[in-house]
Amino acid sequence: MIREVKLNTLHMFENENIDNSDYPLWRKIAEYMNGETAFVIESSAVDGQYVFLGLKNEKKNKELYYMMEQDSVTGVFINDREGFDKDWDSRTYEHDGCFYLEPQYIVFRNNGS
């Protein structure tokens, strides 16, 4: 079941290796997502985790996914805004892989959905 949640991701990457070249990017992503309403689904592959499906705000969601595409390991559109926009706007864009969230970074609505 897809759930609408509020994200509490501000400190999500505090314990990560700051020497990793992608650390500043992921910290920026966590700050960008923080406080936003998002859609998640309980993972069937990783117990106790949720798969991030996207932000409710479509404009911010697009920017977030472009930021994620700047990752040196999983990014497909690194410094290629034109290619990303083309795929996004034609609705053919798919992020390579899943972005998992631990429950402590999610605030569930009162009704649990």
Protein backbone atom coordinates (compact mmCIF):
# COMPACT_ATOMS: atom_id res chain seq x y z
CA MET A 1 0.00 0.00 0.00
CA ILE A 2 1.32 3.43 -0.95
CA ARG A 3 1.51 5.79 2.00
CA GLU A 4 1.66 9.56 2.08
CA VAL A 5 4.19 10.66 4.70
CA LYS A 6 6.18 13.66 5.84
CA LEU A 7 9.94 13.27 5.59
CA ASN A 8 12.27 13.94 8.50
CA THR A 9 15.55 13.41 6.65
CA LEU A 10 17.66 16.33 7.85
CA HIS A 11 20.13 14.13 9.75
CA MET A 12 19.83 11.04 7.57
CA PHE A 13 23.45 10.99 6.43
CA GLU A 14 25.15 12.26 9.60
CA ASN A 15 26.86 8.94 10.27
CA GLU A 16 28.08 8.38 6.74
CA ASN A 17 31.72 8.65 5.68
CA ILE A 18 32.34 12.35 5.05
CA ASP A 19 35.35 11.43 2.90
CA ASN A 20 33.06 9.82 0.32
CA SER A 21 33.02 12.09 -2.74
CA ASP A 22 29.21 11.88 -2.87
CA TYR A 23 28.72 12.84 0.79
CA PRO A 24 28.06 16.57 0.11
CA LEU A 25 25.52 15.65 -2.58
CA TRP A 26 23.62 13.22 -0.34
CA ARG A 27 23.62 15.65 2.54
CA LYS A 28 22.16 18.30 0.20
CA ILE A 29 19.53 15.79 -0.96
CA ALA A 30 18.56 14.96 2.64
CA GLU A 31 18.19 18.67 3.44
CA TYR A 32 16.15 19.26 0.26
CA MET A 33 13.75 16.42 1.08
CA ASN A 34 13.37 17.31 4.74
CA GLY A 35 9.86 18.37 5.70
CA GLU A 36 8.38 17.44 2.33
CA THR A 37 5.32 15.28 1.82
CA ALA A 38 6.26 12.11 -0.02
CA PHE A 39 4.98 8.74 -1.13
CA VAL A 40 6.53 5.53 0.15
CA ILE A 41 5.74 1.84 0.12
CA GLU A 42 6.88 -0.80 2.57
CA SER A 43 9.78 -2.72 1.07
CA SER A 44 9.25 -6.37 0.25
CA ALA A 45 13.01 -6.82 -0.20
CA VAL A 46 14.41 -5.14 2.91
CA ASP A 47 12.61 -5.72 6.22
CA GLY A 48 11.70 -2.58 8.14
CA GLN A 49 12.53 -0.21 5.30
CA TYR A 50 10.40 1.87 2.98
CA VAL A 51 10.95 2.53 -0.71
CA PHE A 52 10.81 6.21 -1.63
CA LEU A 53 8.45 6.73 -4.57
CA GLY A 54 8.65 10.50 -4.90
CA LEU A 55 7.68 13.86 -3.45
CA LYS A 56 4.09 15.07 -3.65
CA ASN A 57 5.25 18.44 -4.99
CA GLU A 58 5.91 17.60 -8.64
CA LYS A 59 8.33 20.48 -9.29
CA LYS A 60 10.46 19.65 -6.25
CA ASN A 61 10.23 15.95 -7.10
CA LYS A 62 11.78 16.55 -10.52
CA GLU A 63 14.62 18.58 -8.99
CA LEU A 64 15.19 15.92 -6.35
CA TYR A 65 15.52 13.19 -8.93
CA TYR A 66 17.93 15.28 -10.97
CA MET A 67 20.01 15.75 -7.82
CA MET A 68 19.97 11.97 -7.27
CA GLU A 69 21.20 11.53 -10.83
CA GLN A 70 24.42 13.35 -9.87
CA ASP A 71 25.58 10.39 -7.73
CA SER A 72 28.90 9.07 -9.02
CA VAL A 73 27.82 5.43 -8.65
CA THR A 74 24.17 5.34 -9.74
CA GLY A 75 23.83 8.57 -11.70
CA VAL A 76 22.93 8.26 -15.36
CA PHE A 77 22.44 11.97 -16.12
CA ILE A 78 25.55 13.43 -14.45
CA ASN A 79 25.77 17.04 -15.62
CA ASP A 80 23.23 16.22 -18.35
CA ARG A 81 20.22 18.35 -17.53
CA GLU A 82 19.00 18.34 -21.13
CA GLY A 83 18.95 14.53 -21.33
CA PHE A 84 17.26 14.26 -17.94
CA ASP A 85 14.60 16.84 -18.84
CA LYS A 86 13.91 15.07 -22.13
CA ASP A 87 13.33 11.71 -20.40
CA TRP A 88 11.37 13.26 -17.52
CA ASP A 89 9.12 15.33 -19.75
CA SER A 90 8.42 12.38 -22.05
CA ARG A 91 7.60 10.25 -18.98
CA THR A 92 10.25 7.67 -19.89
CA TYR A 93 12.51 8.49 -16.93
CA GLU A 94 13.21 5.76 -14.40
CA HIS A 95 15.72 6.06 -11.58
CA ASP A 96 18.23 3.22 -11.59
CA GLY A 97 17.65 1.36 -8.32
CA CYS A 98 15.62 1.95 -5.18
CA PHE A 99 16.05 4.63 -2.53
CA TYR A 100 15.29 3.13 0.88
CA LEU A 101 14.19 5.07 3.95
CA GLU A 102 14.35 3.84 7.52
CA PRO A 103 11.21 4.43 9.61
CA GLN A 104 12.90 7.08 11.79
CA TYR A 105 13.08 9.37 8.75
CA ILE A 106 9.33 9.12 8.08
CA VAL A 107 6.45 10.75 9.92
CA PHE A 108 3.26 8.82 9.26
CA ARG A 109 -0.07 10.60 9.11
CA ASN A 110 -2.51 10.15 12.04
CA ASN A 111 -4.49 7.50 10.22
CA GLY A 112 -1.34 5.47 9.52
CA SER A 113 -1.41 6.11 5.79
